[in-house]
Amino acid sequence: MFLHHNRRIAALITVACLALLVFCLIERQVRQALGGDQTTRGLYPDNRAVRPTGRMILYHLASLRMRAATATDPPTILINRGVQAHLLELLGIDETRPRWLDTPHPMCEIRV
């Protein structure tokens, strides 16, 4: 990769570091939520108990989909495997209520 300016190199390194930080924080949160032995089942096909890694967590969460909101129903996260529900529970995410619903968006403010 060829970058023309030093500030672009610095920006690329910053983005890579932020991505690694998020990766490590997800892994840390799941391991802390597991408690003592820090192992869980269902990450591998043979159902053995292993310590979850960031790579395996994101692999299982990659196939999650979100159903769009309608006039009567809020958006919900669609789960197709049990391990996904367990990981979302360990991360403290309620699949029936995505967090962005709780935070006001600046474009949605009503100005009088």
C-alpha atoms as a PDB file:
ATOM      1  CA  MET A   1       0.000   0.000   0.000  1.00  0.00           C
ATOM      2  CA  PHE A   2       1.367   3.410  -0.949  1.00  0.00           C
ATOM      3  CA  LEU A   3       0.208   6.454   0.991  1.00  0.00           C
ATOM      4  CA  HIS A   4       1.094   9.935  -0.185  1.00  0.00           C
ATOM      5  CA  HIS A   5       1.134  11.790   3.137  1.00  0.00           C
ATOM      6  CA  ASN A   6       2.319  11.044   6.641  1.00  0.00           C
ATOM      7  CA  ARG A   7      -1.046  12.042   8.123  1.00  0.00           C
ATOM      8  CA  ARG A   8      -2.724   9.314   6.067  1.00  0.00           C
ATOM      9  CA  ILE A   9      -0.288   6.774   7.471  1.00  0.00           C
ATOM     10  CA  ALA A  10      -1.073   8.014  10.972  1.00  0.00           C
ATOM     11  CA  ALA A  11      -4.815   7.815  10.267  1.00  0.00           C
ATOM     12  CA  LEU A  12      -4.508   4.256   8.959  1.00  0.00           C
ATOM     13  CA  ILE A  13      -2.557   3.199  12.044  1.00  0.00           C
ATOM     14  CA  THR A  14      -5.158   4.900  14.272  1.00  0.00           C
ATOM     15  CA  VAL A  15      -8.029   3.044  12.599  1.00  0.00           C
ATOM     16  CA  ALA A  16      -6.172  -0.270  12.921  1.00  0.00           C
ATOM     17  CA  CYS A  17      -5.485   0.388  16.614  1.00  0.00           C
ATOM     18  CA  LEU A  18      -9.115   1.293  17.291  1.00  0.00           C
ATOM     19  CA  ALA A  19     -10.284  -1.895  15.573  1.00  0.00           C
ATOM     20  CA  LEU A  20      -7.896  -3.975  17.697  1.00  0.00           C
ATOM     21  CA  LEU A  21      -9.084  -2.172  20.824  1.00  0.00           C
ATOM     22  CA  VAL A  22     -12.730  -3.012  20.088  1.00  0.00           C
ATOM     23  CA  PHE A  23     -11.727  -6.604  19.281  1.00  0.00           C
ATOM     24  CA  CYS A  24      -9.940  -6.973  22.634  1.00  0.00           C
ATOM     25  CA  LEU A  25     -12.723  -5.266  24.606  1.00  0.00           C
ATOM     26  CA  ILE A  26     -15.327  -7.676  23.193  1.00  0.00           C
ATOM     27  CA  GLU A  27     -13.161 -10.661  24.143  1.00  0.00           C
ATOM     28  CA  ARG A  28     -12.522  -9.237  27.624  1.00  0.00           C
ATOM     29  CA  GLN A  29     -16.206  -8.552  28.275  1.00  0.00           C
ATOM     30  CA  VAL A  30     -17.223 -12.096  27.345  1.00  0.00           C
ATOM     31  CA  ARG A  31     -14.473 -13.674  29.448  1.00  0.00           C
ATOM     32  CA  GLN A  32     -15.306 -11.536  32.482  1.00  0.00           C
ATOM     33  CA  ALA A  33     -19.013 -12.343  32.159  1.00  0.00           C
ATOM     34  CA  LEU A  34     -18.219 -16.076  32.103  1.00  0.00           C
ATOM     35  CA  GLY A  35     -16.669 -15.859  35.551  1.00  0.00           C
ATOM     36  CA  GLY A  36     -14.298 -18.391  37.128  1.00  0.00           C
ATOM     37  CA  ASP A  37     -13.162 -20.930  34.548  1.00  0.00           C
ATOM     38  CA  GLN A  38     -13.862 -18.596  31.575  1.00  0.00           C
ATOM     39  CA  THR A  39     -14.880 -21.422  29.253  1.00  0.00           C
ATOM     40  CA  THR A  40     -18.025 -21.944  27.248  1.00  0.00           C
ATOM     41  CA  ARG A  41     -19.441 -24.590  24.939  1.00  0.00           C
ATOM     42  CA  GLY A  42     -20.803 -24.220  21.425  1.00  0.00           C
ATOM     43  CA  LEU A  43     -18.023 -22.228  19.777  1.00  0.00           C
ATOM     44  CA  TYR A  44     -16.630 -25.291  17.998  1.00  0.00           C
ATOM     45  CA  PRO A  45     -18.616 -28.044  16.229  1.00  0.00           C
ATOM     46  CA  ASP A  46     -17.510 -30.738  18.708  1.00  0.00           C
ATOM     47  CA  ASN A  47     -19.055 -28.703  21.583  1.00  0.00           C
ATOM     48  CA  ARG A  48     -15.929 -28.771  23.747  1.00  0.00           C
ATOM     49  CA  ALA A  49     -15.456 -26.217  26.526  1.00  0.00           C
ATOM     50  CA  VAL A  50     -12.933 -23.565  25.429  1.00  0.00           C
ATOM     51  CA  ARG A  51     -11.979 -20.016  26.329  1.00  0.00           C
ATOM     52  CA  PRO A  52     -13.685 -17.710  23.843  1.00  0.00           C
ATOM     53  CA  THR A  53     -11.409 -15.681  21.607  1.00  0.00           C
ATOM     54  CA  GLY A  54     -12.297 -12.447  19.871  1.00  0.00           C
ATOM     55  CA  ARG A  55     -12.072 -14.184  16.521  1.00  0.00           C
ATOM     56  CA  MET A  56     -14.562 -16.918  17.478  1.00  0.00           C
ATOM     57  CA  ILE A  57     -16.943 -14.420  19.085  1.00  0.00           C
ATOM     58  CA  LEU A  58     -17.047 -12.230  15.991  1.00  0.00           C
ATOM     59  CA  TYR A  59     -17.284 -15.305  13.738  1.00  0.00           C
ATOM     60  CA  HIS A  60     -20.488 -16.407  15.468  1.00  0.00           C
ATOM     61  CA  LEU A  61     -21.940 -12.903  15.673  1.00  0.00           C
ATOM     62  CA  ALA A  62     -21.203 -12.154  11.996  1.00  0.00           C
ATOM     63  CA  SER A  63     -24.355 -13.891  10.778  1.00  0.00           C
ATOM     64  CA  LEU A  64     -26.700 -11.842  12.979  1.00  0.00           C
ATOM     65  CA  ARG A  65     -29.346  -9.862  11.132  1.00  0.00           C
ATOM     66  CA  MET A  66     -31.628  -7.059  12.228  1.00  0.00           C
ATOM     67  CA  ARG A  67     -35.280  -6.921  11.303  1.00  0.00           C
ATOM     68  CA  ALA A  68     -36.263  -3.395  10.379  1.00  0.00           C
ATOM     69  CA  ALA A  69     -38.827  -1.554  12.416  1.00  0.00           C
ATOM     70  CA  THR A  70     -42.396  -1.216  11.267  1.00  0.00           C
ATOM     71  CA  ALA A  71     -45.117   1.141  12.418  1.00  0.00           C
ATOM     72  CA  THR A  72     -46.098  -1.297  15.175  1.00  0.00           C
ATOM     73  CA  ASP A  73     -42.927  -3.311  15.913  1.00  0.00           C
ATOM     74  CA  PRO A  74     -39.504  -2.051  16.995  1.00  0.00           C
ATOM     75  CA  PRO A  75     -36.368  -3.382  15.280  1.00  0.00           C
ATOM     76  CA  THR A  76     -35.115  -6.689  16.667  1.00  0.00           C
ATOM     77  CA  ILE A  77     -31.987  -8.769  16.253  1.00  0.00           C
ATOM     78  CA  LEU A  78     -32.674 -12.097  14.512  1.00  0.00           C
ATOM     79  CA  ILE A  79     -30.781 -15.000  16.100  1.00  0.00           C
ATOM     80  CA  ASN A  80     -30.361 -18.254  14.194  1.00  0.00           C
ATOM     81  CA  ARG A  81     -28.090 -20.186  16.607  1.00  0.00           C
ATOM     82  CA  GLY A  82     -28.125 -20.691  20.379  1.00  0.00           C
ATOM     83  CA  VAL A  83     -24.505 -19.683  20.791  1.00  0.00           C
ATOM     84  CA  GLN A  84     -25.362 -16.245  19.411  1.00  0.00           C
ATOM     85  CA  ALA A  85     -27.985 -15.721  22.108  1.00  0.00           C
ATOM     86  CA  HIS A  86     -25.478 -16.808  24.760  1.00  0.00           C
ATOM     87  CA  LEU A  87     -22.798 -14.424  23.455  1.00  0.00           C
ATOM     88  CA  LEU A  88     -25.250 -11.520  23.300  1.00  0.00           C
ATOM     89  CA  GLU A  89     -26.269 -12.282  26.872  1.00  0.00           C
ATOM     90  CA  LEU A  90     -22.611 -12.294  27.982  1.00  0.00           C
ATOM     91  CA  LEU A  91     -22.056  -8.971  26.207  1.00  0.00           C
ATOM     92  CA  GLY A  92     -25.103  -7.496  27.932  1.00  0.00           C
ATOM     93  CA  ILE A  93     -27.070  -6.904  24.722  1.00  0.00           C
ATOM     94  CA  ASP A  94     -30.848  -7.312  24.716  1.00  0.00           C
ATOM     95  CA  GLU A  95     -31.811  -8.591  21.265  1.00  0.00           C
ATOM     96  CA  THR A  96     -35.352  -7.281  21.621  1.00  0.00           C
ATOM     97  CA  ARG A  97     -34.217  -3.717  22.281  1.00  0.00           C
ATOM     98  CA  PRO A  98     -31.186  -2.452  20.313  1.00  0.00           C
ATOM     99  CA  ARG A  99     -29.278   0.242  22.215  1.00  0.00           C
ATOM    100  CA  TRP A 100     -29.588   2.911  19.555  1.00  0.00           C
ATOM    101  CA  LEU A 101     -33.274   3.224  20.436  1.00  0.00           C
ATOM    102  CA  ASP A 102     -32.310   4.621  23.857  1.00  0.00           C
ATOM    103  CA  THR A 103     -30.058   7.383  22.572  1.00  0.00           C
ATOM    104  CA  PRO A 104     -31.600  10.392  20.844  1.00  0.00           C
ATOM    105  CA  HIS A 105     -30.303  11.091  17.372  1.00  0.00           C
ATOM    106  CA  PRO A 106     -29.588  14.757  16.538  1.00  0.00           C
ATOM    107  CA  MET A 107     -31.550  14.454  13.275  1.00  0.00           C
ATOM    108  CA  CYS A 108     -34.644  13.251  15.167  1.00  0.00           C
ATOM    109  CA  GLU A 109     -34.889  16.181  17.569  1.00  0.00           C
ATOM    110  CA  ILE A 110     -38.020  18.248  17.462  1.00  0.00           C
ATOM    111  CA  ARG A 111     -37.196  21.922  17.452  1.00  0.00           C
ATOM    112  CA  VAL A 112     -39.789  24.465  18.462  1.00  0.00           C
END
